[in-house]
Structures are given as structure tokens and as C-alpha cells.
Amino acid sequence: LFNLANPATGSQNIVVSTSANTDIRSASVGYSGARQTGQP
């Protein structure tokens, strides 16, 4: 699980990088009303 407070709005690239070729799966969620420091 990775986090970013105060992300850019609108449609933005999410890029997952690995150290070797592999099968990558990813799912993201976003929330409003979240504290902007000290997360998670």
C-alpha cells in the first residue's frame, strides 16, 4: 500500500515500477476530507 496526500486533481498517471520483469497488479482509491499530514 502506497499513499500520497494532496494529489493532483483530474485524471493523472499512476506508475508502478519494479526491479525486474514480473506480473504487476494494482488498484487505487481516492478520498476527500483526509488529513494532509501524518498519513497513514
PDB file of all heavy atoms in Angstrom:
ATOM      1  N   LEU A   1       0.854  -1.184   0.000  1.00  0.00           N
ATOM      2  CA  LEU A   1       0.000   0.000   0.000  1.00  0.00           C
ATOM      3  C   LEU A   1       0.893   1.238   0.000  1.00  0.00           C
ATOM      4  O   LEU A   1       1.801   1.360   0.833  1.00  0.00           O
ATOM      5  CB  LEU A   1      -0.920   0.046   1.219  1.00  0.00           C
ATOM      6  CG  LEU A   1      -2.208  -0.769   1.184  1.00  0.00           C
ATOM      7  CD1 LEU A   1      -2.949  -0.638   2.508  1.00  0.00           C
ATOM      8  CD2 LEU A   1      -3.121  -0.340   0.036  1.00  0.00           C
ATOM      9  N   PHE A   2       0.629   2.145  -0.959  1.00  0.00           N
ATOM     10  CA  PHE A   2       1.340   3.415  -1.048  1.00  0.00           C
ATOM     11  C   PHE A   2       0.342   4.561  -0.906  1.00  0.00           C
ATOM     12  O   PHE A   2      -0.834   4.413  -1.262  1.00  0.00           O
ATOM     13  CB  PHE A   2       2.056   3.538  -2.391  1.00  0.00           C
ATOM     14  CG  PHE A   2       3.370   2.805  -2.477  1.00  0.00           C
ATOM     15  CD1 PHE A   2       3.411   1.421  -2.626  1.00  0.00           C
ATOM     16  CD2 PHE A   2       4.563   3.505  -2.422  1.00  0.00           C
ATOM     17  CE1 PHE A   2       4.613   0.749  -2.722  1.00  0.00           C
ATOM     18  CE2 PHE A   2       5.786   2.832  -2.520  1.00  0.00           C
ATOM     19  CZ  PHE A   2       5.810   1.454  -2.667  1.00  0.00           C
ATOM     20  N   ASN A   3       0.810   5.731  -0.443  1.00  0.00           N
ATOM     21  CA  ASN A   3      -0.063   6.870  -0.163  1.00  0.00           C
ATOM     22  C   ASN A   3       0.517   8.174  -0.687  1.00  0.00           C
ATOM     23  O   ASN A   3       1.733   8.345  -0.731  1.00  0.00           O
ATOM     24  CB  ASN A   3      -0.242   7.039   1.355  1.00  0.00           C
ATOM     25  CG  ASN A   3      -0.729   5.784   2.033  1.00  0.00           C
ATOM     26  OD1 ASN A   3      -1.918   5.567   2.140  1.00  0.00           O
ATOM     27  ND2 ASN A   3       0.191   4.946   2.502  1.00  0.00           N
ATOM     28  N   LEU A   4      -0.385   9.092  -1.026  1.00  0.00           N
ATOM     29  CA  LEU A   4       0.017  10.453  -1.363  1.00  0.00           C
ATOM     30  C   LEU A   4      -1.099  11.405  -0.968  1.00  0.00           C
ATOM     31  O   LEU A   4      -2.203  11.348  -1.510  1.00  0.00           O
ATOM     32  CB  LEU A   4       0.303  10.604  -2.859  1.00  0.00           C
ATOM     33  CG  LEU A   4       0.740  12.003  -3.308  1.00  0.00           C
ATOM     34  CD1 LEU A   4       2.089  12.368  -2.693  1.00  0.00           C
ATOM     35  CD2 LEU A   4       0.798  12.105  -4.826  1.00  0.00           C
ATOM     36  N   ALA A   5      -0.798  12.275  -0.009  1.00  0.00           N
ATOM     37  CA  ALA A   5      -1.735  13.333   0.367  1.00  0.00           C
ATOM     38  C   ALA A   5      -1.611  14.503  -0.600  1.00  0.00           C
ATOM     39  O   ALA A   5      -0.541  14.747  -1.165  1.00  0.00           O
ATOM     40  CB  ALA A   5      -1.466  13.803   1.796  1.00  0.00           C
ATOM     41  N   ASN A   6      -2.717  15.202  -0.806  1.00  0.00           N
ATOM     42  CA  ASN A   6      -2.773  16.361  -1.696  1.00  0.00           C
ATOM     43  C   ASN A   6      -2.328  16.026  -3.117  1.00  0.00           C
ATOM     44  O   ASN A   6      -1.519  16.736  -3.722  1.00  0.00           O
ATOM     45  CB  ASN A   6      -1.934  17.518  -1.139  1.00  0.00           C
ATOM     46  CG  ASN A   6      -2.211  18.820  -1.854  1.00  0.00           C
ATOM     47  OD1 ASN A   6      -3.331  19.068  -2.322  1.00  0.00           O
ATOM     48  ND2 ASN A   6      -1.206  19.670  -1.934  1.00  0.00           N
ATOM     49  N   PRO A   7      -2.850  14.938  -3.687  1.00  0.00           N
ATOM     50  CA  PRO A   7      -2.505  14.611  -5.080  1.00  0.00           C
ATOM     51  C   PRO A   7      -3.156  15.590  -6.049  1.00  0.00           C
ATOM     52  O   PRO A   7      -4.128  16.278  -5.715  1.00  0.00           O
ATOM     53  CB  PRO A   7      -3.095  13.210  -5.251  1.00  0.00           C
ATOM     54  CG  PRO A   7      -4.284  13.213  -4.342  1.00  0.00           C
ATOM     55  CD  PRO A   7      -3.853  14.012  -3.136  1.00  0.00           C
ATOM     56  N   ALA A   8      -2.629  15.643  -7.252  1.00  0.00           N
ATOM     57  CA  ALA A   8      -3.212  16.486  -8.291  1.00  0.00           C
ATOM     58  C   ALA A   8      -4.623  16.008  -8.630  1.00  0.00           C
ATOM     59  O   ALA A   8      -4.902  14.808  -8.631  1.00  0.00           O
ATOM     60  CB  ALA A   8      -2.342  16.459  -9.537  1.00  0.00           C
ATOM     61  N   THR A   9      -5.508  16.950  -8.902  1.00  0.00           N
ATOM     62  CA  THR A   9      -6.873  16.600  -9.292  1.00  0.00           C
ATOM     63  C   THR A   9      -6.935  16.271 -10.783  1.00  0.00           C
ATOM     64  O   THR A   9      -5.988  16.494 -11.532  1.00  0.00           O
ATOM     65  CB  THR A   9      -7.838  17.745  -8.969  1.00  0.00           C
ATOM     66  OG1 THR A   9      -7.390  18.935  -9.634  1.00  0.00           O
ATOM     67  CG2 THR A   9      -7.886  18.008  -7.469  1.00  0.00           C
ATOM     68  N   GLY A  10      -8.086  15.746 -11.191  1.00  0.00           N
ATOM     69  CA  GLY A  10      -8.256  15.347 -12.571  1.00  0.00           C
ATOM     70  C   GLY A  10      -7.686  13.963 -12.814  1.00  0.00           C
ATOM     71  O   GLY A  10      -7.365  13.223 -11.898  1.00  0.00           O
ATOM     72  N   SER A  11      -7.572  13.600 -14.095  1.00  0.00           N
ATOM     73  CA  SER A  11      -7.056  12.286 -14.480  1.00  0.00           C
ATOM     74  C   SER A  11      -5.532  12.331 -14.547  1.00  0.00           C
ATOM     75  O   SER A  11      -4.964  13.126 -15.300  1.00  0.00           O
ATOM     76  CB  SER A  11      -7.636  11.872 -15.829  1.00  0.00           C
ATOM     77  OG  SER A  11      -7.200  10.586 -16.194  1.00  0.00           O
ATOM     78  N   GLN A  12      -4.874  11.472 -13.742  1.00  0.00           N
ATOM     79  CA  GLN A  12      -3.419  11.510 -13.636  1.00  0.00           C
ATOM     80  C   GLN A  12      -2.827  10.108 -13.768  1.00  0.00           C
ATOM     81  O   GLN A  12      -3.458   9.112 -13.427  1.00  0.00           O
ATOM     82  CB  GLN A  12      -3.005  12.097 -12.275  1.00  0.00           C
ATOM     83  CG  GLN A  12      -3.613  13.437 -11.957  1.00  0.00           C
ATOM     84  CD  GLN A  12      -3.146  14.554 -12.877  1.00  0.00           C
ATOM     85  OE1 GLN A  12      -2.153  14.409 -13.594  1.00  0.00           O
ATOM     86  NE2 GLN A  12      -3.860  15.666 -12.884  1.00  0.00           N
ATOM     87  N   ASN A  13      -1.581  10.051 -14.248  1.00  0.00           N
ATOM     88  CA  ASN A  13      -0.866   8.786 -14.376  1.00  0.00           C
ATOM     89  C   ASN A  13      -0.502   8.205 -13.019  1.00  0.00           C
ATOM     90  O   ASN A  13       0.009   8.923 -12.139  1.00  0.00           O
ATOM     91  CB  ASN A  13       0.433   8.974 -15.164  1.00  0.00           C
ATOM     92  CG  ASN A  13       0.221   8.935 -16.654  1.00  0.00           C
ATOM     93  OD1 ASN A  13      -0.809   8.491 -17.136  1.00  0.00           O
ATOM     94  ND2 ASN A  13       1.214   9.410 -17.394  1.00  0.00           N
ATOM     95  N   ILE A  14      -0.730   6.904 -12.859  1.00  0.00           N
ATOM     96  CA  ILE A  14      -0.178   6.134 -11.750  1.00  0.00           C
ATOM     97  C   ILE A  14       0.838   5.180 -12.364  1.00  0.00           C
ATOM     98  O   ILE A  14       0.505   4.412 -13.267  1.00  0.00           O
ATOM     99  CB  ILE A  14      -1.264   5.341 -11.012  1.00  0.00           C
ATOM    100  CG1 ILE A  14      -2.324   6.285 -10.428  1.00  0.00           C
ATOM    101  CG2 ILE A  14      -0.660   4.467  -9.915  1.00  0.00           C
ATOM    102  CD1 ILE A  14      -3.555   5.576  -9.914  1.00  0.00           C
ATOM    103  N   VAL A  15       2.080   5.222 -11.888  1.00  0.00           N
ATOM    104  CA  VAL A  15       3.145   4.403 -12.463  1.00  0.00           C
ATOM    105  C   VAL A  15       3.756   3.535 -11.365  1.00  0.00           C
ATOM    106  O   VAL A  15       4.289   4.051 -10.374  1.00  0.00           O
ATOM    107  CB  VAL A  15       4.235   5.270 -13.115  1.00  0.00           C
ATOM    108  CG1 VAL A  15       5.329   4.379 -13.706  1.00  0.00           C
ATOM    109  CG2 VAL A  15       3.635   6.158 -14.197  1.00  0.00           C
ATOM    110  N   VAL A  16       3.665   2.216 -11.562  1.00  0.00           N
ATOM    111  CA  VAL A  16       4.252   1.243 -10.646  1.00  0.00           C
ATOM    112  C   VAL A  16       5.525   0.704 -11.290  1.00  0.00           C
ATOM    113  O   VAL A  16       5.487   0.185 -12.409  1.00  0.00           O
ATOM    114  CB  VAL A  16       3.281   0.084 -10.364  1.00  0.00           C
ATOM    115  CG1 VAL A  16       3.883  -0.895  -9.360  1.00  0.00           C
ATOM    116  CG2 VAL A  16       1.935   0.605  -9.873  1.00  0.00           C
ATOM    117  N   SER A  17       6.653   0.813 -10.587  1.00  0.00           N
ATOM    118  CA  SER A  17       7.941   0.369 -11.127  1.00  0.00           C
ATOM    119  C   SER A  17       8.499  -0.779 -10.297  1.00  0.00           C
ATOM    120  O   SER A  17       8.369  -0.792  -9.069  1.00  0.00           O
ATOM    121  CB  SER A  17       8.948   1.524 -11.126  1.00  0.00           C
ATOM    122  OG  SER A  17       8.496   2.604 -11.929  1.00  0.00           O
ATOM    123  N   THR A  18       9.130  -1.743 -10.977  1.00  0.00           N
ATOM    124  CA  THR A  18       9.727  -2.887 -10.294  1.00  0.00           C
ATOM    125  C   THR A  18      11.184  -3.050 -10.708  1.00  0.00           C
ATOM    126  O   THR A  18      11.624  -2.512 -11.732  1.00  0.00           O
ATOM    127  CB  THR A  18       8.961  -4.186 -10.605  1.00  0.00           C
ATOM    128  OG1 THR A  18       9.079  -4.467 -12.008  1.00  0.00           O
ATOM    129  CG2 THR A  18       7.495  -4.059 -10.242  1.00  0.00           C
ATOM    130  N   SER A  19      11.927  -3.834  -9.929  1.00  0.00           N
ATOM    131  CA  SER A  19      13.348  -4.026 -10.185  1.00  0.00           C
ATOM    132  C   SER A  19      13.633  -5.125 -11.197  1.00  0.00           C
ATOM    133  O   SER A  19      14.786  -5.306 -11.607  1.00  0.00           O
ATOM    134  CB  SER A  19      14.070  -4.345  -8.870  1.00  0.00           C
ATOM    135  OG  SER A  19      13.523  -5.500  -8.264  1.00  0.00           O
ATOM    136  N   ALA A  20      12.592  -5.873 -11.581  1.00  0.00           N
ATOM    137  CA  ALA A  20      12.748  -6.940 -12.575  1.00  0.00           C
ATOM    138  C   ALA A  20      11.404  -7.178 -13.238  1.00  0.00           C
ATOM    139  O   ALA A  20      10.354  -6.803 -12.704  1.00  0.00           O
ATOM    140  CB  ALA A  20      13.249  -8.223 -11.918  1.00  0.00           C
ATOM    141  N   ASN A  21      11.411  -7.788 -14.405  1.00  0.00           N
ATOM    142  CA  ASN A  21      10.158  -8.101 -15.080  1.00  0.00           C
ATOM    143  C   ASN A  21       9.335  -9.087 -14.260  1.00  0.00           C
ATOM    144  O   ASN A  21       9.850 -10.084 -13.751  1.00  0.00           O
ATOM    145  CB  ASN A  21      10.435  -8.700 -16.459  1.00  0.00           C
ATOM    146  CG  ASN A  21      10.929  -7.666 -17.449  1.00  0.00           C
ATOM    147  OD1 ASN A  21      10.873  -6.460 -17.191  1.00  0.00           O
ATOM    148  ND2 ASN A  21      11.419  -8.130 -18.578  1.00  0.00           N
ATOM    149  N   THR A  22       8.051  -8.820 -14.152  1.00  0.00           N
ATOM    150  CA  THR A  22       7.151  -9.631 -13.349  1.00  0.00           C
ATOM    151  C   THR A  22       5.718  -9.315 -13.749  1.00  0.00           C
ATOM    152  O   THR A  22       5.482  -8.432 -14.576  1.00  0.00           O
ATOM    153  CB  THR A  22       7.369  -9.350 -11.843  1.00  0.00           C
ATOM    154  OG1 THR A  22       6.577 -10.253 -11.060  1.00  0.00           O
ATOM    155  CG2 THR A  22       6.974  -7.922 -11.484  1.00  0.00           C
ATOM    156  N   ASP A  23       4.760 -10.029 -13.177  1.00  0.00           N
ATOM    157  CA  ASP A  23       3.350  -9.677 -13.345  1.00  0.00           C
ATOM    158  C   ASP A  23       2.981  -8.680 -12.256  1.00  0.00           C
ATOM    159  O   ASP A  23       3.210  -8.929 -11.066  1.00  0.00           O
ATOM    160  CB  ASP A  23       2.468 -10.918 -13.236  1.00  0.00           C
ATOM    161  CG  ASP A  23       2.686 -11.889 -14.394  1.00  0.00           C
ATOM    162  OD1 ASP A  23       3.349 -11.505 -15.377  1.00  0.00           O
ATOM    163  OD2 ASP A  23       2.207 -13.034 -14.299  1.00  0.00           O
ATOM    164  N   ILE A  24       2.411  -7.544 -12.668  1.00  0.00           N
ATOM    165  CA  ILE A  24       2.068  -6.460 -11.747  1.00  0.00           C
ATOM    166  C   ILE A  24       0.557  -6.286 -11.724  1.00  0.00           C
ATOM    167  O   ILE A  24      -0.079  -6.220 -12.777  1.00  0.00           O
ATOM    168  CB  ILE A  24       2.729  -5.127 -12.159  1.00  0.00           C
ATOM    169  CG1 ILE A  24       4.234  -5.297 -12.370  1.00  0.00           C
ATOM    170  CG2 ILE A  24       2.450  -4.052 -11.123  1.00  0.00           C
ATOM    171  CD1 ILE A  24       4.910  -4.071 -12.974  1.00  0.00           C
ATOM    172  N   ARG A  25      -0.013  -6.205 -10.533  1.00  0.00           N
ATOM    173  CA  ARG A  25      -1.436  -5.913 -10.365  1.00  0.00           C
ATOM    174  C   ARG A  25      -1.550  -4.670  -9.484  1.00  0.00           C
ATOM    175  O   ARG A  25      -0.803  -4.524  -8.529  1.00  0.00           O
ATOM    176  CB  ARG A  25      -2.148  -7.082  -9.668  1.00  0.00           C
ATOM    177  CG  ARG A  25      -1.846  -8.437 -10.257  1.00  0.00           C
ATOM    178  CD  ARG A  25      -1.922  -9.540  -9.221  1.00  0.00           C
ATOM    179  NE  ARG A  25      -1.524 -10.824  -9.783  1.00  0.00           N
ATOM    180  CZ  ARG A  25      -1.138 -11.866  -9.067  1.00  0.00           C
ATOM    181  NH1 ARG A  25      -1.100 -11.770  -7.748  1.00  0.00           N
ATOM    182  NH2 ARG A  25      -0.785 -12.982  -9.654  1.00  0.00           N
ATOM    183  N   SER A  26      -2.487  -3.802  -9.802  1.00  0.00           N
ATOM    184  CA  SER A  26      -2.633  -2.603  -8.983  1.00  0.00           C
ATOM    185  C   SER A  26      -4.068  -2.102  -9.001  1.00  0.00           C
ATOM    186  O   SER A  26      -4.757  -2.202 -10.018  1.00  0.00           O
ATOM    187  CB  SER A  26      -1.696  -1.494  -9.477  1.00  0.00           C
ATOM    188  OG  SER A  26      -1.745  -0.370  -8.631  1.00  0.00           O
ATOM    189  N   ALA A  27      -4.496  -1.575  -7.862  1.00  0.00           N
ATOM    190  CA  ALA A  27      -5.817  -0.957  -7.733  1.00  0.00           C
ATOM    191  C   ALA A  27      -5.672   0.248  -6.818  1.00  0.00           C
ATOM    192  O   ALA A  27      -5.022   0.165  -5.773  1.00  0.00           O
ATOM    193  CB  ALA A  27      -6.832  -1.953  -7.166  1.00  0.00           C
ATOM    194  N   SER A  28      -6.258   1.355  -7.230  1.00  0.00           N
ATOM    195  CA  SER A  28      -6.111   2.600  -6.477  1.00  0.00           C
ATOM    196  C   SER A  28      -7.466   3.128  -6.029  1.00  0.00           C
ATOM    197  O   SER A  28      -8.489   2.881  -6.672  1.00  0.00           O
ATOM    198  CB  SER A  28      -5.401   3.661  -7.325  1.00  0.00           C
ATOM    199  OG  SER A  28      -6.231   4.058  -8.408  1.00  0.00           O
ATOM    200  N   VAL A  29      -7.446   3.843  -4.919  1.00  0.00           N
ATOM    201  CA  VAL A  29      -8.645   4.509  -4.404  1.00  0.00           C
ATOM    202  C   VAL A  29      -8.277   5.921  -3.977  1.00  0.00           C
ATOM    203  O   VAL A  29      -7.120   6.197  -3.645  1.00  0.00           O
ATOM    204  CB  VAL A  29      -9.263   3.744  -3.211  1.00  0.00           C
ATOM    205  CG1 VAL A  29     -10.009   2.513  -3.669  1.00  0.00           C
ATOM    206  CG2 VAL A  29      -8.208   3.369  -2.175  1.00  0.00           C
ATOM    207  N   GLY A  30      -9.249   6.802  -4.005  1.00  0.00           N
ATOM    208  CA  GLY A  30      -9.028   8.168  -3.575  1.00  0.00           C
ATOM    209  C   GLY A  30     -10.145   8.640  -2.673  1.00  0.00           C
ATOM    210  O   GLY A  30     -11.297   8.202  -2.807  1.00  0.00           O
ATOM    211  N   TYR A  31      -9.807   9.543  -1.757  1.00  0.00           N
ATOM    212  CA  TYR A  31     -10.765  10.030  -0.772  1.00  0.00           C
ATOM    213  C   TYR A  31     -10.590  11.533  -0.577  1.00  0.00           C
ATOM    214  O   TYR A  31      -9.476  12.059  -0.672  1.00  0.00           O
ATOM    215  CB  TYR A  31     -10.554   9.336   0.584  1.00  0.00           C
ATOM    216  CG  TYR A  31     -10.658   7.836   0.494  1.00  0.00           C
ATOM    217  CD1 TYR A  31      -9.553   7.067   0.170  1.00  0.00           C
ATOM    218  CD2 TYR A  31     -11.875   7.188   0.694  1.00  0.00           C
ATOM    219  CE1 TYR A  31      -9.644   5.689   0.049  1.00  0.00           C
ATOM    220  CE2 TYR A  31     -11.979   5.813   0.581  1.00  0.00           C
ATOM    221  CZ  TYR A  31     -10.868   5.071   0.257  1.00  0.00           C
ATOM    222  OH  TYR A  31     -10.972   3.716   0.130  1.00  0.00           O
ATOM    223  N   SER A  32     -11.695  12.198  -0.297  1.00  0.00           N
ATOM    224  CA  SER A  32     -11.658  13.598   0.117  1.00  0.00           C
ATOM    225  C   SER A  32     -11.829  13.656   1.633  1.00  0.00           C
ATOM    226  O   SER A  32     -12.204  12.670   2.270  1.00  0.00           O
ATOM    227  CB  SER A  32     -12.760  14.395  -0.578  1.00  0.00           C
ATOM    228  OG  SER A  32     -14.046  13.890  -0.225  1.00  0.00           O
ATOM    229  N   GLY A  33     -11.550  14.817   2.190  1.00  0.00           N
ATOM    230  CA  GLY A  33     -11.729  15.001   3.630  1.00  0.00           C
ATOM    231  C   GLY A  33     -10.666  14.335   4.473  1.00  0.00           C
ATOM    232  O   GLY A  33     -10.889  14.046   5.651  1.00  0.00           O
ATOM    233  N   ALA A  34      -9.494  14.088   3.891  1.00  0.00           N
ATOM    234  CA  ALA A  34      -8.427  13.394   4.607  1.00  0.00           C
ATOM    235  C   ALA A  34      -7.400  14.377   5.164  1.00  0.00           C
ATOM    236  O   ALA A  34      -7.101  15.410   4.558  1.00  0.00           O
ATOM    237  CB  ALA A  34      -7.730  12.410   3.680  1.00  0.00           C
ATOM    238  N   ARG A  35      -6.851  14.034   6.298  1.00  0.00           N
ATOM    239  CA  ARG A  35      -5.767  14.819   6.880  1.00  0.00           C
ATOM    240  C   ARG A  35      -4.609  14.865   5.894  1.00  0.00           C
ATOM    241  O   ARG A  35      -4.306  13.875   5.224  1.00  0.00           O
ATOM    242  CB  ARG A  35      -5.328  14.162   8.201  1.00  0.00           C
ATOM    243  CG  ARG A  35      -4.402  15.011   9.063  1.00  0.00           C
ATOM    244  CD  ARG A  35      -4.220  14.359  10.434  1.00  0.00           C
ATOM    245  NE  ARG A  35      -3.467  13.091  10.327  1.00  0.00           N
ATOM    246  CZ  ARG A  35      -3.376  12.210  11.327  1.00  0.00           C
ATOM    247  NH1 ARG A  35      -4.013  12.430  12.469  1.00  0.00           N
ATOM    248  NH2 ARG A  35      -2.667  11.108  11.172  1.00  0.00           N
ATOM    249  N   GLN A  36      -3.957  16.006   5.807  1.00  0.00           N
ATOM    250  CA  GLN A  36      -2.932  16.201   4.781  1.00  0.00           C
ATOM    251  C   GLN A  36      -1.507  15.951   5.266  1.00  0.00           C
ATOM    252  O   GLN A  36      -0.551  16.075   4.489  1.00  0.00           O
ATOM    253  CB  GLN A  36      -3.052  17.603   4.196  1.00  0.00           C
ATOM    254  CG  GLN A  36      -4.377  17.842   3.468  1.00  0.00           C
ATOM    255  CD  GLN A  36      -4.524  16.957   2.237  1.00  0.00           C
ATOM    256  OE1 GLN A  36      -3.921  17.222   1.204  1.00  0.00           O
ATOM    257  NE2 GLN A  36      -5.340  15.904   2.345  1.00  0.00           N
ATOM    258  N   THR A  37      -1.351  15.599   6.519  1.00  0.00           N
ATOM    259  CA  THR A  37      -0.042  15.231   7.058  1.00  0.00           C
ATOM    260  C   THR A  37      -0.215  14.004   7.947  1.00  0.00           C
ATOM    261  O   THR A  37      -1.313  13.703   8.412  1.00  0.00           O
ATOM    262  CB  THR A  37       0.573  16.373   7.889  1.00  0.00           C
ATOM    263  OG1 THR A  37      -0.312  16.705   8.974  1.00  0.00           O
ATOM    264  CG2 THR A  37       0.809  17.610   7.041  1.00  0.00           C
ATOM    265  N   GLY A  38       0.887  13.308   8.178  1.00  0.00           N
ATOM    266  CA  GLY A  38       0.862  12.188   9.116  1.00  0.00           C
ATOM    267  C   GLY A  38       0.007  11.013   8.689  1.00  0.00           C
ATOM    268  O   GLY A  38      -0.559  10.312   9.530  1.00  0.00           O
ATOM    269  N   GLN A  39      -0.061  10.760   7.390  1.00  0.00           N
ATOM    270  CA  GLN A  39      -0.803   9.611   6.874  1.00  0.00           C
ATOM    271  C   GLN A  39       0.178   8.508   6.454  1.00  0.00           C
ATOM    272  O   GLN A  39       1.272   8.806   6.004  1.00  0.00           O
ATOM    273  CB  GLN A  39      -1.660  10.023   5.673  1.00  0.00           C
ATOM    274  CG  GLN A  39      -2.706  11.083   5.956  1.00  0.00           C
ATOM    275  CD  GLN A  39      -3.972  10.523   6.618  1.00  0.00           C
ATOM    276  OE1 GLN A  39      -3.944   9.475   7.280  1.00  0.00           O
ATOM    277  NE2 GLN A  39      -5.079  11.222   6.446  1.00  0.00           N
ATOM    278  N   PRO A  40      -0.165   7.235   6.582  1.00  0.00           N
ATOM    279  CA  PRO A  40      -1.421   6.734   7.143  1.00  0.00           C
ATOM    280  C   PRO A  40      -1.462   6.865   8.661  1.00  0.00           C
ATOM    281  O   PRO A  40      -0.434   7.016   9.318  1.00  0.00           O
ATOM    282  CB  PRO A  40      -1.423   5.269   6.710  1.00  0.00           C
ATOM    283  CG  PRO A  40       0.018   4.906   6.619  1.00  0.00           C
ATOM    284  CD  PRO A  40       0.693   6.138   6.092  1.00  0.00           C
TER     285      PRO A  40
END
